[in-house]
Amino acid sequence: MAGHSQYSNIKHRKALVDSKRSKLWSKLSKAIIVAAKLGGGDPSGNVRLRTAIQDAKAVSLPRENIERAIKKGTGELEGGDVEEILYEGYGPGGVAVLCDIMTDNRNRTAPEMRKLFENHGGKLGSTNCVAYLFERKGLIAVKQSAADLEILMEIALENGADDVTEVGELYEITCTPDMYTTVVDAIEAQSIEIELKQVTRIPSNTVEVDSETAIQVMRLLELLEDHDDIQSVASNVNFSEEQLASFG
């Protein structure tokens, strides 16, 4: 079935962050530290750690960096005092914004988040003011030219995916976070190229904004994505194709 593209709304900001490799490496190292801290240092028994390592390898994070991050998470090395926090708020036009944060200094991060929101037409909110609007999901996007729909559906659904949706020139596959690596591995094992893969927060409903507000929202989202402590940002805004094209 056809639907709204999560991929289109994510790829612009993802490209922006990916272009800043050193900052991206720092974010991925934190993700590995937290995963190892919560579930142990063995990726075979820690799905979250396995996912974090895969993401790190995808952007060429050196092996020694990965191993060091794991050891920090398990307490074998100092520097593992990183905590995971969810910040919620509203952007311009009242759009919902959710930030997954990993920080070693909550007292530094909180005022920085508040300032970013307030300086760009938004407001930091209270716990669960917008979180209930989102569901954490694995999202995988494949170009329609890269795979036959029936074959892709069979692979995805047999390996634990929830749904396969046709959106524009893409197939978007969603799954629960614990099935994410299984679905990704199964698709890649068939030599099907994946355009985007990540565990993200998908809104239950989306809102549209006018062009002026869209620019303000995108600016806030980009600045949040660029912050050292923010792992990912989700919003319920639905940018139109014209608006996305105008962002460059």
Protein backbone atom coordinates (compact mmCIF):
# COMPACT_ATOMS: atom_id res chain seq x y z
CA MET A 1 0.00 0.00 0.00
CA ALA A 2 1.11 3.58 -0.58
CA GLY A 3 1.92 5.89 2.32
CA HIS A 4 3.91 8.75 3.78
CA SER A 5 7.69 8.45 3.34
CA GLN A 6 9.69 8.38 6.54
CA TYR A 7 12.83 8.03 4.41
CA SER A 8 12.34 11.36 2.62
CA ASN A 9 11.97 13.20 5.90
CA ILE A 10 15.07 11.57 7.41
CA LYS A 11 17.60 11.49 4.56
CA HIS A 12 18.21 15.26 4.37
CA ARG A 13 19.25 15.53 8.02
CA LYS A 14 21.10 12.21 7.94
CA ALA A 15 23.25 13.41 5.03
CA LEU A 16 24.06 16.57 6.97
CA VAL A 17 25.27 14.64 10.02
CA ASP A 18 27.06 11.93 8.02
CA SER A 19 29.13 14.62 6.32
CA LYS A 20 30.69 15.48 9.68
CA ARG A 21 32.45 12.18 10.22
CA SER A 22 34.40 12.96 13.39
CA LYS A 23 31.22 14.11 15.13
CA LEU A 24 29.36 11.06 13.85
CA TRP A 25 32.09 8.76 15.17
CA SER A 26 31.71 10.33 18.61
CA LYS A 27 27.94 9.74 18.56
CA LEU A 28 28.37 6.12 17.49
CA SER A 29 30.99 5.50 20.16
CA LYS A 30 28.51 6.71 22.78
CA ALA A 31 25.86 4.38 21.36
CA ILE A 32 28.27 1.44 21.71
CA ILE A 33 29.18 2.46 25.28
CA VAL A 34 25.54 2.62 26.36
CA ALA A 35 24.63 -0.65 24.60
CA ALA A 36 27.54 -2.48 26.26
CA LYS A 37 26.72 -0.88 29.61
CA LEU A 38 23.09 -2.05 29.46
CA GLY A 39 23.48 -5.48 27.87
CA GLY A 40 27.10 -6.59 28.17
CA GLY A 41 30.03 -6.57 25.78
CA ASP A 42 29.18 -9.66 23.71
CA PRO A 43 27.37 -8.59 20.52
CA SER A 44 26.13 -12.14 19.87
CA GLY A 45 23.97 -11.89 22.97
CA ASN A 46 23.28 -8.15 22.84
CA VAL A 47 21.17 -7.11 19.85
CA ARG A 48 21.47 -3.43 20.64
CA LEU A 49 25.27 -3.64 20.76
CA ARG A 50 25.34 -5.63 17.51
CA THR A 51 23.25 -2.92 15.83
CA ALA A 52 25.50 -0.14 17.17
CA ILE A 53 28.60 -1.95 15.91
CA GLN A 54 27.04 -2.46 12.47
CA ASP A 55 26.18 1.25 12.28
CA ALA A 56 29.73 2.13 13.32
CA LYS A 57 31.31 -0.15 10.74
CA ALA A 58 29.04 1.31 8.03
CA VAL A 59 30.78 4.68 8.42
CA SER A 60 34.27 3.19 8.89
CA LEU A 61 34.68 3.74 12.63
CA PRO A 62 38.08 2.12 13.32
CA ARG A 63 38.05 -1.28 14.99
CA GLU A 64 40.14 -0.03 17.92
CA ASN A 65 37.58 2.72 18.56
CA ILE A 66 34.79 0.15 18.66
CA GLU A 67 36.71 -2.12 21.04
CA ARG A 68 37.60 0.80 23.30
CA ALA A 69 33.96 1.92 23.45
CA ILE A 70 32.84 -1.59 24.39
CA LYS A 71 35.40 -1.73 27.20
CA LYS A 72 34.23 1.64 28.49
CA GLY A 73 30.68 0.35 28.55
CA THR A 74 31.61 -2.82 30.44
CA GLY A 75 33.76 -0.90 32.91
CA GLU A 76 37.11 -2.28 31.74
CA LEU A 77 38.19 1.27 30.86
CA GLU A 78 37.25 4.63 32.32
CA GLY A 79 34.88 6.91 30.40
CA GLY A 80 31.76 4.78 30.46
CA ASP A 81 29.70 7.21 32.55
CA VAL A 82 27.25 7.94 29.73
CA GLU A 83 23.50 8.01 30.38
CA GLU A 84 20.58 7.83 27.98
CA ILE A 85 17.90 10.52 28.21
CA LEU A 86 14.83 11.39 26.15
CA TYR A 87 14.10 15.09 25.67
CA GLU A 88 10.72 16.19 24.34
CA GLY A 89 9.44 19.49 23.08
CA TYR A 90 7.69 21.54 20.45
CA GLY A 91 9.14 23.19 17.38
CA PRO A 92 7.82 26.11 15.32
CA GLY A 93 4.16 25.65 14.47
CA GLY A 94 3.73 23.36 17.47
CA VAL A 95 5.26 20.32 15.75
CA ALA A 96 6.33 17.52 18.12
CA VAL A 97 10.08 16.96 18.51
CA LEU A 98 11.73 14.03 20.28
CA CYS A 99 15.49 13.82 20.95
CA ASP A 100 17.37 10.66 21.95
CA ILE A 101 20.36 11.88 23.95
CA MET A 102 23.46 10.22 25.35
CA THR A 103 25.48 12.42 27.67
CA ASP A 104 28.12 12.24 30.37
CA ASN A 105 26.91 15.55 31.85
CA ARG A 106 23.16 16.02 32.21
CA ASN A 107 23.67 19.41 33.89
CA ARG A 108 25.40 20.70 30.76
CA THR A 109 23.07 19.12 28.22
CA ALA A 110 19.71 20.22 29.67
CA PRO A 111 20.28 24.00 29.45
CA GLU A 112 21.83 23.61 25.99
CA MET A 113 18.71 21.80 24.79
CA ARG A 114 16.44 24.44 26.31
CA LYS A 115 18.41 27.21 24.64
CA LEU A 116 18.34 25.52 21.23
CA PHE A 117 14.58 25.09 21.35
CA GLU A 118 13.85 28.60 22.61
CA ASN A 119 16.25 30.34 20.19
CA HIS A 120 14.61 28.70 17.19
CA GLY A 121 10.90 29.10 17.79
CA GLY A 122 10.35 26.06 19.98
CA LYS A 123 9.98 25.05 23.60
CA LEU A 124 11.36 22.17 25.65
CA GLY A 125 8.48 20.22 27.18
CA SER A 126 7.80 17.95 30.13
CA THR A 127 8.09 14.16 30.25
CA ASN A 128 5.70 12.40 27.86
CA CYS A 129 4.35 15.64 26.39
CA VAL A 130 4.98 14.23 22.89
CA ALA A 131 6.62 10.80 23.36
CA TYR A 132 3.23 9.08 23.24
CA LEU A 133 2.91 10.20 19.62
CA PHE A 134 5.88 8.07 18.52
CA GLU A 135 6.76 4.38 18.30
CA ARG A 136 10.34 3.12 18.20
CA LYS A 137 10.83 1.08 15.03
CA GLY A 138 13.49 -0.27 12.74
CA LEU A 139 13.22 1.42 9.34
CA ILE A 140 14.79 0.05 6.16
CA ALA A 141 14.39 1.73 2.77
CA VAL A 142 15.06 -0.05 -0.54
CA LYS A 143 14.70 1.42 -4.04
CA GLN A 144 11.99 -0.31 -6.04
CA SER A 145 14.49 -0.75 -8.87
CA ALA A 146 16.71 -2.80 -6.53
CA ALA A 147 14.24 -5.57 -5.66
CA ASP A 148 11.06 -7.33 -6.69
CA LEU A 149 8.25 -6.49 -4.26
CA GLU A 150 7.06 -10.06 -3.76
CA ILE A 151 10.58 -11.32 -3.10
CA LEU A 152 11.37 -8.44 -0.75
CA MET A 153 8.12 -8.95 1.15
CA GLU A 154 8.82 -12.65 1.53
CA ILE A 155 12.33 -12.01 2.86
CA ALA A 156 11.26 -9.21 5.20
CA LEU A 157 8.11 -10.78 6.62
CA GLU A 158 9.67 -14.22 7.09
CA ASN A 159 12.45 -12.59 9.12
CA GLY A 160 10.25 -10.64 11.48
CA ALA A 161 9.34 -7.40 9.69
CA ASP A 162 5.98 -5.83 10.50
CA ASP A 163 5.21 -4.24 7.15
CA VAL A 164 6.48 -3.41 3.67
CA THR A 165 5.08 -0.22 2.18
CA GLU A 166 5.39 1.28 -1.32
CA VAL A 167 6.25 4.98 -1.04
CA GLY A 168 7.17 6.78 -4.26
CA GLU A 169 10.21 5.01 -5.72
CA LEU A 170 10.93 3.17 -2.49
CA TYR A 171 9.88 0.20 -0.44
CA GLU A 172 9.92 1.03 3.27
CA ILE A 173 10.18 -1.88 5.68
CA THR A 174 9.37 -1.46 9.37
CA CYS A 175 10.05 -3.83 12.25
CA THR A 176 10.45 -3.87 16.01
CA PRO A 177 13.91 -2.80 17.25
CA ASP A 178 14.77 -6.33 18.43
CA MET A 179 14.19 -7.72 14.90
CA TYR A 180 16.08 -4.91 13.14
CA THR A 181 19.45 -6.66 12.66
CA THR A 182 17.73 -9.91 11.61
CA VAL A 183 15.72 -8.15 8.88
CA VAL A 184 18.71 -6.11 7.68
CA ASP A 185 20.98 -9.18 7.56
CA ALA A 186 18.36 -11.17 5.63
CA ILE A 187 17.92 -8.44 3.00
CA GLU A 188 21.64 -7.85 2.58
CA ALA A 189 22.27 -11.60 2.35
CA GLN A 190 20.26 -11.52 -0.91
CA SER A 191 22.54 -8.75 -2.27
CA ILE A 192 19.71 -6.22 -2.18
CA GLU A 193 21.08 -2.70 -1.75
CA ILE A 194 19.64 -0.77 1.18
CA GLU A 195 19.27 3.00 0.85
CA LEU A 196 18.73 3.72 4.54
CA LYS A 197 18.64 1.60 7.68
CA GLN A 198 18.21 2.80 11.24
CA VAL A 199 16.24 2.40 14.41
CA THR A 200 14.16 5.54 14.71
CA ARG A 201 10.95 6.89 16.20
CA ILE A 202 8.01 6.94 13.80
CA PRO A 203 5.04 9.25 14.52
CA SER A 204 1.54 7.76 14.65
CA ASN A 205 0.24 10.84 12.84
CA THR A 206 1.95 13.65 10.94
CA VAL A 207 1.24 17.36 10.54
CA GLU A 208 1.89 19.70 7.63
CA VAL A 209 3.23 23.24 7.91
CA ASP A 210 3.51 26.20 5.54
CA SER A 211 6.76 26.92 3.72
CA GLU A 212 7.98 29.58 6.15
CA THR A 213 7.37 27.38 9.17
CA ALA A 214 8.95 24.41 7.35
CA ILE A 215 12.22 26.33 7.01
CA GLN A 216 12.19 27.19 10.72
CA VAL A 217 11.43 23.59 11.71
CA MET A 218 14.15 22.17 9.48
CA ARG A 219 16.67 24.63 10.90
CA LEU A 220 15.85 23.54 14.45
CA LEU A 221 16.02 19.85 13.53
CA GLU A 222 19.39 20.33 11.81
CA LEU A 223 20.85 22.15 14.82
CA LEU A 224 19.58 19.46 17.16
CA GLU A 225 21.03 16.70 14.94
CA ASP A 226 24.36 18.55 14.98
CA HIS A 227 24.58 18.62 18.79
CA ASP A 228 27.28 16.31 20.17
CA ASP A 229 24.99 14.64 22.72
CA ILE A 230 22.04 13.97 20.43
CA GLN A 231 21.90 10.52 18.85
CA SER A 232 18.76 11.05 16.79
CA VAL A 233 15.87 13.46 16.36
CA ALA A 234 12.29 12.59 15.42
CA SER A 235 9.43 14.90 14.52
CA ASN A 236 5.84 14.48 13.40
CA VAL A 237 6.20 17.14 10.70
CA ASN A 238 5.52 15.96 7.15
CA PHE A 239 7.58 18.07 4.76
CA SER A 240 6.21 18.21 1.22
CA GLU A 241 8.42 17.24 -1.71
CA GLU A 242 8.60 20.93 -2.69
CA GLN A 243 9.70 21.92 0.79
CA LEU A 244 12.36 19.18 0.90
CA ALA A 245 13.67 20.29 -2.50
CA SER A 246 13.96 23.89 -1.27
CA PHE A 247 16.21 22.82 1.63
CA GLY A 248 18.88 21.79 -0.86
